[in-house]
Amino acid sequence: ALKELAEIPSRAIYLGDTVDDMTASTSAGVIGLGVIPTYAADK
């Protein structure tokens, strides 16, 4: 996605609701923004 958008990783934000999402964002060098789903048992 960063390549297609010609985006600088430090300016990108990746939203996700799982630990895998945050691990992927960190590995890609982008800001990880976690989102707690409404159905999460222990927010």
All heavy atoms as atom14 arrays in JSON, in Angstrom:
{
  "sequence": "ALKELAEIPSRAIYLGDTVDDMTASTSAGVIGLGVIPTYAADK",
  "atom14_mask": [
    [1, 1, 1, 1, 1, 0, 0, 0, 0, 0, 0, 0, 0, 0],
    [1, 1, 1, 1, 1, 1, 1, 1, 0, 0, 0, 0, 0, 0],
    [1, 1, 1, 1, 1, 1, 1, 1, 1, 0, 0, 0, 0, 0],
    [1, 1, 1, 1, 1, 1, 1, 1, 1, 0, 0, 0, 0, 0],
    [1, 1, 1, 1, 1, 1, 1, 1, 0, 0, 0, 0, 0, 0],
    [1, 1, 1, 1, 1, 0, 0, 0, 0, 0, 0, 0, 0, 0],
    [1, 1, 1, 1, 1, 1, 1, 1, 1, 0, 0, 0, 0, 0],
    [1, 1, 1, 1, 1, 1, 1, 1, 0, 0, 0, 0, 0, 0],
    [1, 1, 1, 1, 1, 1, 1, 0, 0, 0, 0, 0, 0, 0],
    [1, 1, 1, 1, 1, 1, 0, 0, 0, 0, 0, 0, 0, 0],
    [1, 1, 1, 1, 1, 1, 1, 1, 1, 1, 1, 0, 0, 0],
    [1, 1, 1, 1, 1, 0, 0, 0, 0, 0, 0, 0, 0, 0],
    [1, 1, 1, 1, 1, 1, 1, 1, 0, 0, 0, 0, 0, 0],
    [1, 1, 1, 1, 1, 1, 1, 1, 1, 1, 1, 1, 0, 0],
    [1, 1, 1, 1, 1, 1, 1, 1, 0, 0, 0, 0, 0, 0],
    [1, 1, 1, 1, 0, 0, 0, 0, 0, 0, 0, 0, 0, 0],
    [1, 1, 1, 1, 1, 1, 1, 1, 0, 0, 0, 0, 0, 0],
    [1, 1, 1, 1, 1, 1, 1, 0, 0, 0, 0, 0, 0, 0],
    [1, 1, 1, 1, 1, 1, 1, 0, 0, 0, 0, 0, 0, 0],
    [1, 1, 1, 1, 1, 1, 1, 1, 0, 0, 0, 0, 0, 0],
    [1, 1, 1, 1, 1, 1, 1, 1, 0, 0, 0, 0, 0, 0],
    [1, 1, 1, 1, 1, 1, 1, 1, 0, 0, 0, 0, 0, 0],
    [1, 1, 1, 1, 1, 1, 1, 0, 0, 0, 0, 0, 0, 0],
    [1, 1, 1, 1, 1, 0, 0, 0, 0, 0, 0, 0, 0, 0],
    [1, 1, 1, 1, 1, 1, 0, 0, 0, 0, 0, 0, 0, 0],
    [1, 1, 1, 1, 1, 1, 1, 0, 0, 0, 0, 0, 0, 0],
    [1, 1, 1, 1, 1, 1, 0, 0, 0, 0, 0, 0, 0, 0],
    [1, 1, 1, 1, 1, 0, 0, 0, 0, 0, 0, 0, 0, 0],
    [1, 1, 1, 1, 0, 0, 0, 0, 0, 0, 0, 0, 0, 0],
    [1, 1, 1, 1, 1, 1, 1, 0, 0, 0, 0, 0, 0, 0],
    [1, 1, 1, 1, 1, 1, 1, 1, 0, 0, 0, 0, 0, 0],
    [1, 1, 1, 1, 0, 0, 0, 0, 0, 0, 0, 0, 0, 0],
    [1, 1, 1, 1, 1, 1, 1, 1, 0, 0, 0, 0, 0, 0],
    [1, 1, 1, 1, 0, 0, 0, 0, 0, 0, 0, 0, 0, 0],
    [1, 1, 1, 1, 1, 1, 1, 0, 0, 0, 0, 0, 0, 0],
    [1, 1, 1, 1, 1, 1, 1, 1, 0, 0, 0, 0, 0, 0],
    [1, 1, 1, 1, 1, 1, 1, 0, 0, 0, 0, 0, 0, 0],
    [1, 1, 1, 1, 1, 1, 1, 0, 0, 0, 0, 0, 0, 0],
    [1, 1, 1, 1, 1, 1, 1, 1, 1, 1, 1, 1, 0, 0],
    [1, 1, 1, 1, 1, 0, 0, 0, 0, 0, 0, 0, 0, 0],
    [1, 1, 1, 1, 1, 0, 0, 0, 0, 0, 0, 0, 0, 0],
    [1, 1, 1, 1, 1, 1, 1, 1, 0, 0, 0, 0, 0, 0],
    [1, 1, 1, 1, 1, 1, 1, 1, 1, 0, 0, 0, 0, 0]
  ],
  "atom14_positions": [
    [[0.84, -1.21, 0.0], [0.0, 0.0, 0.0], [0.87, 1.25, 0.0], [0.59, 2.21, -0.73], [-0.94, 0.0, 1.2], [0.0, 0.0, 0.0], [0.0, 0.0, 0.0], [0.0, 0.0, 0.0], [0.0, 0.0, 0.0], [0.0, 0.0, 0.0], [0.0, 0.0, 0.0], [0.0, 0.0, 0.0], [0.0, 0.0, 0.0], [0.0, 0.0, 0.0]],
    [[1.92, 1.25, 0.81], [2.82, 2.41, 0.85], [3.45, 2.66, -0.52], [3.55, 3.81, -0.96], [3.92, 2.19, 1.89], [3.48, 2.19, 3.35], [4.62, 1.72, 4.25], [2.98, 3.55, 3.77], [0.0, 0.0, 0.0], [0.0, 0.0, 0.0], [0.0, 0.0, 0.0], [0.0, 0.0, 0.0], [0.0, 0.0, 0.0], [0.0, 0.0, 0.0]],
    [[3.85, 1.61, -1.2], [4.45, 1.75, -2.54], [3.44, 2.3, -3.53], [3.75, 3.2, -4.32], [5.01, 0.41, -3.02], [6.29, 0.02, -2.35], [6.81, -1.3, -2.87], [8.08, -1.69, -2.13], [8.57, -3.01, -2.55], [0.0, 0.0, 0.0], [0.0, 0.0, 0.0], [0.0, 0.0, 0.0], [0.0, 0.0, 0.0], [0.0, 0.0, 0.0]],
    [[2.23, 1.74, -3.53], [1.21, 2.21, -4.48], [0.84, 3.66, -4.24], [0.55, 4.4, -5.17], [-0.05, 1.34, -4.38], [0.06, 0.07, -5.16], [-1.29, -0.59, -5.39], [-2.33, 0.1, -5.45], [-1.3, -1.82, -5.52], [0.0, 0.0, 0.0], [0.0, 0.0, 0.0], [0.0, 0.0, 0.0], [0.0, 0.0, 0.0], [0.0, 0.0, 0.0]],
    [[0.84, 4.06, -2.98], [0.45, 5.43, -2.64], [1.64, 6.39, -2.64], [1.46, 7.58, -2.44], [-0.21, 5.45, -1.26], [-1.53, 4.7, -1.16], [-1.93, 4.52, 0.3], [-2.62, 5.42, -1.94], [0.0, 0.0, 0.0], [0.0, 0.0, 0.0], [0.0, 0.0, 0.0], [0.0, 0.0, 0.0], [0.0, 0.0, 0.0], [0.0, 0.0, 0.0]],
    [[2.85, 5.85, -2.84], [4.08, 6.64, -2.75], [4.1, 7.4, -1.43], [4.43, 8.58, -1.38], [4.21, 7.59, -3.95], [0.0, 0.0, 0.0], [0.0, 0.0, 0.0], [0.0, 0.0, 0.0], [0.0, 0.0, 0.0], [0.0, 0.0, 0.0], [0.0, 0.0, 0.0], [0.0, 0.0, 0.0], [0.0, 0.0, 0.0], [0.0, 0.0, 0.0]],
    [[3.73, 6.7, -0.38], [3.62, 7.31, 0.95], [4.89, 7.07, 1.74], [5.51, 6.02, 1.65], [2.43, 6.71, 1.7], [2.11, 7.36, 3.03], [1.78, 8.83, 2.89], [0.84, 9.17, 2.18], [2.49, 9.65, 3.51], [0.0, 0.0, 0.0], [0.0, 0.0, 0.0], [0.0, 0.0, 0.0], [0.0, 0.0, 0.0], [0.0, 0.0, 0.0]],
    [[5.25, 8.05, 2.53], [6.38, 7.93, 3.44], [5.89, 7.2, 4.69], [4.92, 7.64, 5.31], [6.92, 9.33, 3.81], [7.37, 10.08, 2.55], [8.05, 9.22, 4.83], [7.6, 11.55, 2.75], [0.0, 0.0, 0.0], [0.0, 0.0, 0.0], [0.0, 0.0, 0.0], [0.0, 0.0, 0.0], [0.0, 0.0, 0.0], [0.0, 0.0, 0.0]],
    [[6.53, 6.09, 5.05], [6.04, 5.31, 6.19], [5.79, 6.09, 7.46], [4.81, 5.86, 8.15], [7.13, 4.25, 6.39], [7.74, 4.09, 5.05], [7.69, 5.46, 4.42], [0.0, 0.0, 0.0], [0.0, 0.0, 0.0], [0.0, 0.0, 0.0], [0.0, 0.0, 0.0], [0.0, 0.0, 0.0], [0.0, 0.0, 0.0], [0.0, 0.0, 0.0]],
    [[6.63, 7.06, 7.76], [6.46, 7.81, 9.01], [5.21, 8.69, 9.01], [4.78, 9.16, 10.04], [7.69, 8.67, 9.29], [7.85, 9.64, 8.27], [0.0, 0.0, 0.0], [0.0, 0.0, 0.0], [0.0, 0.0, 0.0], [0.0, 0.0, 0.0], [0.0, 0.0, 0.0], [0.0, 0.0, 0.0], [0.0, 0.0, 0.0], [0.0, 0.0, 0.0]],
    [[4.61, 8.9, 7.83], [3.38, 9.69, 7.74], [2.13, 8.82, 7.68], [1.02, 9.31, 7.76], [3.41, 10.57, 6.49], [4.43, 11.66, 6.54], [4.46, 12.49, 5.27], [3.21, 12.52, 4.55], [2.4, 13.59, 4.46], [2.75, 14.7, 5.03], [1.29, 13.53, 3.77], [0.0, 0.0, 0.0], [0.0, 0.0, 0.0], [0.0, 0.0, 0.0]],
    [[2.33, 7.52, 7.52], [1.2, 6.61, 7.36], [0.67, 6.15, 8.71], [1.41, 6.04, 9.68], [1.62, 5.4, 6.53], [0.0, 0.0, 0.0], [0.0, 0.0, 0.0], [0.0, 0.0, 0.0], [0.0, 0.0, 0.0], [0.0, 0.0, 0.0], [0.0, 0.0, 0.0], [0.0, 0.0, 0.0], [0.0, 0.0, 0.0], [0.0, 0.0, 0.0]],
    [[-0.62, 5.86, 8.74], [-1.28, 5.34, 9.94], [-2.03, 4.08, 9.54], [-2.74, 4.06, 8.54], [-2.27, 6.36, 10.52], [-1.54, 7.63, 10.95], [-3.03, 5.75, 11.71], [-2.45, 8.76, 11.37], [0.0, 0.0, 0.0], [0.0, 0.0, 0.0], [0.0, 0.0, 0.0], [0.0, 0.0, 0.0], [0.0, 0.0, 0.0], [0.0, 0.0, 0.0]],
    [[-1.84, 3.03, 10.33], [-2.51, 1.76, 10.08], [-3.46, 1.47, 11.22], [-3.05, 1.43, 12.38], [-1.48, 0.63, 9.93], [-2.11, -0.69, 9.56], [-2.47, -0.95, 8.24], [-2.36, -1.66, 10.52], [-3.06, -2.15, 7.89], [-2.94, -2.87, 10.17], [-3.28, -3.11, 8.86], [-3.87, -4.3, 8.5], [0.0, 0.0, 0.0], [0.0, 0.0, 0.0]],
    [[-4.74, 1.33, 10.91], [-5.74, 1.02, 11.91], [-5.94, -0.48, 12.0], [-6.0, -1.15, 10.96], [-7.1, 1.65, 11.55], [-7.29, 3.11, 11.9], [-6.45, 3.99, 11.03], [-8.74, 3.47, 11.82], [0.0, 0.0, 0.0], [0.0, 0.0, 0.0], [0.0, 0.0, 0.0], [0.0, 0.0, 0.0], [0.0, 0.0, 0.0], [0.0, 0.0, 0.0]],
    [[-6.06, -0.98, 13.21], [-6.31, -2.4, 13.37], [-6.84, -2.72, 14.75], [-6.7, -1.93, 15.68], [0.0, 0.0, 0.0], [0.0, 0.0, 0.0], [0.0, 0.0, 0.0], [0.0, 0.0, 0.0], [0.0, 0.0, 0.0], [0.0, 0.0, 0.0], [0.0, 0.0, 0.0], [0.0, 0.0, 0.0], [0.0, 0.0, 0.0], [0.0, 0.0, 0.0]],
    [[-7.45, -3.89, 14.86], [-8.04, -4.29, 16.14], [-7.43, -5.57, 16.7], [-7.99, -6.16, 17.62], [-9.56, -4.42, 16.02], [-10.0, -5.49, 15.03], [-9.14, -6.1, 14.37], [-11.22, -5.71, 14.91], [0.0, 0.0, 0.0], [0.0, 0.0, 0.0], [0.0, 0.0, 0.0], [0.0, 0.0, 0.0], [0.0, 0.0, 0.0], [0.0, 0.0, 0.0]],
    [[-6.29, -5.98, 16.15], [-5.65, -7.2, 16.65], [-4.16, -6.95, 16.91], [-3.58, -6.0, 16.38], [-5.75, -8.36, 15.63], [-4.94, -8.05, 14.48], [-7.2, -8.62, 15.21], [0.0, 0.0, 0.0], [0.0, 0.0, 0.0], [0.0, 0.0, 0.0], [0.0, 0.0, 0.0], [0.0, 0.0, 0.0], [0.0, 0.0, 0.0], [0.0, 0.0, 0.0]],
    [[-3.57, -7.83, 17.71], [-2.14, -7.72, 17.97], [-1.35, -7.92, 16.68], [-0.3, -7.3, 16.49], [-1.68, -8.68, 19.09], [-2.31, -8.29, 20.41], [-1.98, -10.11, 18.76], [0.0, 0.0, 0.0], [0.0, 0.0, 0.0], [0.0, 0.0, 0.0], [0.0, 0.0, 0.0], [0.0, 0.0, 0.0], [0.0, 0.0, 0.0], [0.0, 0.0, 0.0]],
    [[-1.84, -8.78, 15.79], [-1.17, -8.97, 14.49], [-1.15, -7.68, 13.68], [-0.18, -7.39, 12.97], [-1.83, -10.09, 13.69], [-1.47, -11.48, 14.18], [-0.56, -11.6, 15.03], [-2.09, -12.45, 13.72], [0.0, 0.0, 0.0], [0.0, 0.0, 0.0], [0.0, 0.0, 0.0], [0.0, 0.0, 0.0], [0.0, 0.0, 0.0], [0.0, 0.0, 0.0]],
    [[-2.23, -6.91, 13.75], [-2.27, -5.62, 13.05], [-1.19, -4.68, 13.57], [-0.49, -4.02, 12.79], [-3.64, -4.95, 13.23], [-4.77, -5.65, 12.51], [-4.51, -6.28, 11.47], [-5.91, -5.57, 12.99], [0.0, 0.0, 0.0], [0.0, 0.0, 0.0], [0.0, 0.0, 0.0], [0.0, 0.0, 0.0], [0.0, 0.0, 0.0], [0.0, 0.0, 0.0]],
    [[-1.03, -4.62, 14.9], [-0.04, -3.72, 15.48], [1.38, -4.21, 15.2], [2.28, -3.42, 14.94], [-0.28, -3.55, 16.98], [-1.6, -2.86, 17.32], [-1.83, -1.24, 16.54], [-2.94, -1.63, 15.18], [0.0, 0.0, 0.0], [0.0, 0.0, 0.0], [0.0, 0.0, 0.0], [0.0, 0.0, 0.0], [0.0, 0.0, 0.0], [0.0, 0.0, 0.0]],
    [[1.58, -5.52, 15.23], [2.89, -6.08, 14.9], [3.25, -5.76, 13.45], [4.38, -5.36, 13.15], [2.9, -7.61, 15.13], [2.6, -7.87, 16.5], [4.24, -8.22, 14.78], [0.0, 0.0, 0.0], [0.0, 0.0, 0.0], [0.0, 0.0, 0.0], [0.0, 0.0, 0.0], [0.0, 0.0, 0.0], [0.0, 0.0, 0.0], [0.0, 0.0, 0.0]],
    [[2.29, -5.89, 12.55], [2.53, -5.6, 11.13], [2.84, -4.12, 10.92], [3.76, -3.77, 10.17], [1.33, -6.01, 10.29], [0.0, 0.0, 0.0], [0.0, 0.0, 0.0], [0.0, 0.0, 0.0], [0.0, 0.0, 0.0], [0.0, 0.0, 0.0], [0.0, 0.0, 0.0], [0.0, 0.0, 0.0], [0.0, 0.0, 0.0], [0.0, 0.0, 0.0]],
    [[2.11, -3.25, 11.6], [2.35, -1.81, 11.43], [3.74, -1.44, 11.93], [4.46, -0.68, 11.28], [1.27, -0.98, 12.12], [1.33, -1.12, 13.52], [0.0, 0.0, 0.0], [0.0, 0.0, 0.0], [0.0, 0.0, 0.0], [0.0, 0.0, 0.0], [0.0, 0.0, 0.0], [0.0, 0.0, 0.0], [0.0, 0.0, 0.0], [0.0, 0.0, 0.0]],
    [[4.13, -1.99, 13.07], [5.46, -1.72, 13.61], [6.54, -2.22, 12.65], [7.51, -1.51, 12.36], [5.62, -2.38, 14.99], [4.62, -1.85, 15.87], [6.99, -2.13, 15.58], [0.0, 0.0, 0.0], [0.0, 0.0, 0.0], [0.0, 0.0, 0.0], [0.0, 0.0, 0.0], [0.0, 0.0, 0.0], [0.0, 0.0, 0.0], [0.0, 0.0, 0.0]],
    [[6.36, -3.42, 12.12], [7.34, -3.99, 11.19], [7.45, -3.18, 9.9], [8.51, -3.11, 9.29], [6.97, -5.43, 10.85], [7.05, -6.25, 11.99], [0.0, 0.0, 0.0], [0.0, 0.0, 0.0], [0.0, 0.0, 0.0], [0.0, 0.0, 0.0], [0.0, 0.0, 0.0], [0.0, 0.0, 0.0], [0.0, 0.0, 0.0], [0.0, 0.0, 0.0]],
    [[6.34, -2.56, 9.49], [6.34, -1.75, 8.27], [6.82, -0.33, 8.51], [7.0, 0.44, 7.58], [4.94, -1.73, 7.65], [0.0, 0.0, 0.0], [0.0, 0.0, 0.0], [0.0, 0.0, 0.0], [0.0, 0.0, 0.0], [0.0, 0.0, 0.0], [0.0, 0.0, 0.0], [0.0, 0.0, 0.0], [0.0, 0.0, 0.0], [0.0, 0.0, 0.0]],
    [[7.01, 0.04, 9.78], [7.49, 1.37, 10.11], [6.43, 2.44, 10.07], [6.73, 3.63, 9.89], [0.0, 0.0, 0.0], [0.0, 0.0, 0.0], [0.0, 0.0, 0.0], [0.0, 0.0, 0.0], [0.0, 0.0, 0.0], [0.0, 0.0, 0.0], [0.0, 0.0, 0.0], [0.0, 0.0, 0.0], [0.0, 0.0, 0.0], [0.0, 0.0, 0.0]],
    [[5.16, 2.04, 10.21], [4.07, 3.02, 10.21], [3.46, 3.11, 11.61], [3.65, 2.24, 12.45], [2.98, 2.67, 9.17], [3.56, 2.56, 7.78], [2.23, 1.41, 9.54], [0.0, 0.0, 0.0], [0.0, 0.0, 0.0], [0.0, 0.0, 0.0], [0.0, 0.0, 0.0], [0.0, 0.0, 0.0], [0.0, 0.0, 0.0], [0.0, 0.0, 0.0]],
    [[2.72, 4.17, 11.83], [2.05, 4.38, 13.11], [0.89, 3.4, 13.22], [0.04, 3.34, 12.33], [1.54, 5.83, 13.22], [2.73, 6.79, 13.22], [0.68, 6.01, 14.47], [2.34, 8.24, 13.04], [0.0, 0.0, 0.0], [0.0, 0.0, 0.0], [0.0, 0.0, 0.0], [0.0, 0.0, 0.0], [0.0, 0.0, 0.0], [0.0, 0.0, 0.0]],
    [[0.87, 2.66, 14.3], [-0.24, 1.74, 14.56], [-1.29, 2.42, 15.43], [-0.97, 2.96, 16.49], [0.0, 0.0, 0.0], [0.0, 0.0, 0.0], [0.0, 0.0, 0.0], [0.0, 0.0, 0.0], [0.0, 0.0, 0.0], [0.0, 0.0, 0.0], [0.0, 0.0, 0.0], [0.0, 0.0, 0.0], [0.0, 0.0, 0.0], [0.0, 0.0, 0.0]],
    [[-2.52, 2.43, 14.97], [-3.62, 2.98, 15.73], [-4.58, 1.83, 16.02], [-5.24, 1.33, 15.12], [-4.33, 4.1, 14.95], [-5.25, 5.01, 15.75], [-5.41, 6.34, 15.04], [-6.59, 4.4, 16.02], [0.0, 0.0, 0.0], [0.0, 0.0, 0.0], [0.0, 0.0, 0.0], [0.0, 0.0, 0.0], [0.0, 0.0, 0.0], [0.0, 0.0, 0.0]],
    [[-4.62, 1.4, 17.27], [-5.48, 0.3, 17.66], [-6.91, 0.76, 17.84], [-7.16, 1.88, 18.29], [0.0, 0.0, 0.0], [0.0, 0.0, 0.0], [0.0, 0.0, 0.0], [0.0, 0.0, 0.0], [0.0, 0.0, 0.0], [0.0, 0.0, 0.0], [0.0, 0.0, 0.0], [0.0, 0.0, 0.0], [0.0, 0.0, 0.0], [0.0, 0.0, 0.0]],
    [[-7.83, -0.11, 17.49], [-9.25, 0.18, 17.65], [-9.88, -0.98, 18.42], [-9.74, -2.14, 18.02], [-9.96, 0.33, 16.28], [-11.43, 0.62, 16.46], [-9.29, 1.43, 15.45], [0.0, 0.0, 0.0], [0.0, 0.0, 0.0], [0.0, 0.0, 0.0], [0.0, 0.0, 0.0], [0.0, 0.0, 0.0], [0.0, 0.0, 0.0], [0.0, 0.0, 0.0]],
    [[-10.54, -0.67, 19.51], [-11.2, -1.7, 20.32], [-12.58, -1.95, 19.73], [-13.41, -1.03, 19.67], [-11.35, -1.24, 21.79], [-10.01, -0.81, 22.38], [-12.02, -2.33, 22.62], [-9.02, -1.89, 22.58], [0.0, 0.0, 0.0], [0.0, 0.0, 0.0], [0.0, 0.0, 0.0], [0.0, 0.0, 0.0], [0.0, 0.0, 0.0], [0.0, 0.0, 0.0]],
    [[-12.86, -3.17, 19.27], [-14.2, -3.45, 18.73], [-15.26, -3.38, 19.83], [-14.97, -3.68, 20.99], [-14.09, -4.89, 18.2], [-12.65, -5.26, 18.26], [-11.97, -4.32, 19.19], [0.0, 0.0, 0.0], [0.0, 0.0, 0.0], [0.0, 0.0, 0.0], [0.0, 0.0, 0.0], [0.0, 0.0, 0.0], [0.0, 0.0, 0.0], [0.0, 0.0, 0.0]],
    [[-16.45, -2.98, 19.46], [-17.54, -2.88, 20.44], [-17.83, -4.21, 21.1], [-18.27, -4.25, 22.24], [-18.82, -2.35, 19.78], [-19.15, -3.2, 18.68], [-18.64, -0.93, 19.28], [0.0, 0.0, 0.0], [0.0, 0.0, 0.0], [0.0, 0.0, 0.0], [0.0, 0.0, 0.0], [0.0, 0.0, 0.0], [0.0, 0.0, 0.0], [0.0, 0.0, 0.0]],
    [[-17.58, -5.31, 20.41], [-17.89, -6.64, 20.93], [-16.78, -7.23, 21.81], [-16.92, -8.32, 22.34], [-18.19, -7.61, 19.78], [-17.07, -7.71, 18.78], [-15.95, -8.5, 19.02], [-17.12, -6.98, 17.58], [-14.91, -8.57, 18.1], [-16.08, -7.05, 16.66], [-14.99, -7.85, 16.93], [-13.97, -7.92, 16.02], [0.0, 0.0, 0.0], [0.0, 0.0, 0.0]],
    [[-15.68, -6.51, 21.99], [-14.56, -7.04, 22.79], [-15.01, -7.29, 24.22], [-15.6, -6.41, 24.86], [-13.38, -6.08, 22.75], [0.0, 0.0, 0.0], [0.0, 0.0, 0.0], [0.0, 0.0, 0.0], [0.0, 0.0, 0.0], [0.0, 0.0, 0.0], [0.0, 0.0, 0.0], [0.0, 0.0, 0.0], [0.0, 0.0, 0.0], [0.0, 0.0, 0.0]],
    [[-14.72, -8.48, 24.73], [-15.15, -8.85, 26.08], [-14.39, -8.06, 27.15], [-15.0, -7.57, 28.09], [-14.95, -10.35, 26.28], [0.0, 0.0, 0.0], [0.0, 0.0, 0.0], [0.0, 0.0, 0.0], [0.0, 0.0, 0.0], [0.0, 0.0, 0.0], [0.0, 0.0, 0.0], [0.0, 0.0, 0.0], [0.0, 0.0, 0.0], [0.0, 0.0, 0.0]],
    [[-13.08, -7.97, 27.01], [-12.26, -7.26, 28.0], [-11.51, -6.15, 27.29], [-10.38, -6.33, 26.82], [-11.3, -8.25, 28.67], [-10.57, -7.65, 29.86], [-10.47, -6.4, 29.94], [-10.08, -8.44, 30.7], [0.0, 0.0, 0.0], [0.0, 0.0, 0.0], [0.0, 0.0, 0.0], [0.0, 0.0, 0.0], [0.0, 0.0, 0.0], [0.0, 0.0, 0.0]],
    [[-12.15, -4.99, 27.21], [-11.59, -3.86, 26.46], [-10.25, -3.39, 27.03], [-9.33, -3.07, 26.27], [-12.6, -2.72, 26.41], [-13.83, -3.05, 25.57], [-14.85, -1.93, 25.62], [-16.07, -2.12, 24.77], [-16.48, -3.42, 24.39], [0.0, 0.0, 0.0], [0.0, 0.0, 0.0], [0.0, 0.0, 0.0], [0.0, 0.0, 0.0], [0.0, 0.0, 0.0]]
  ]
}
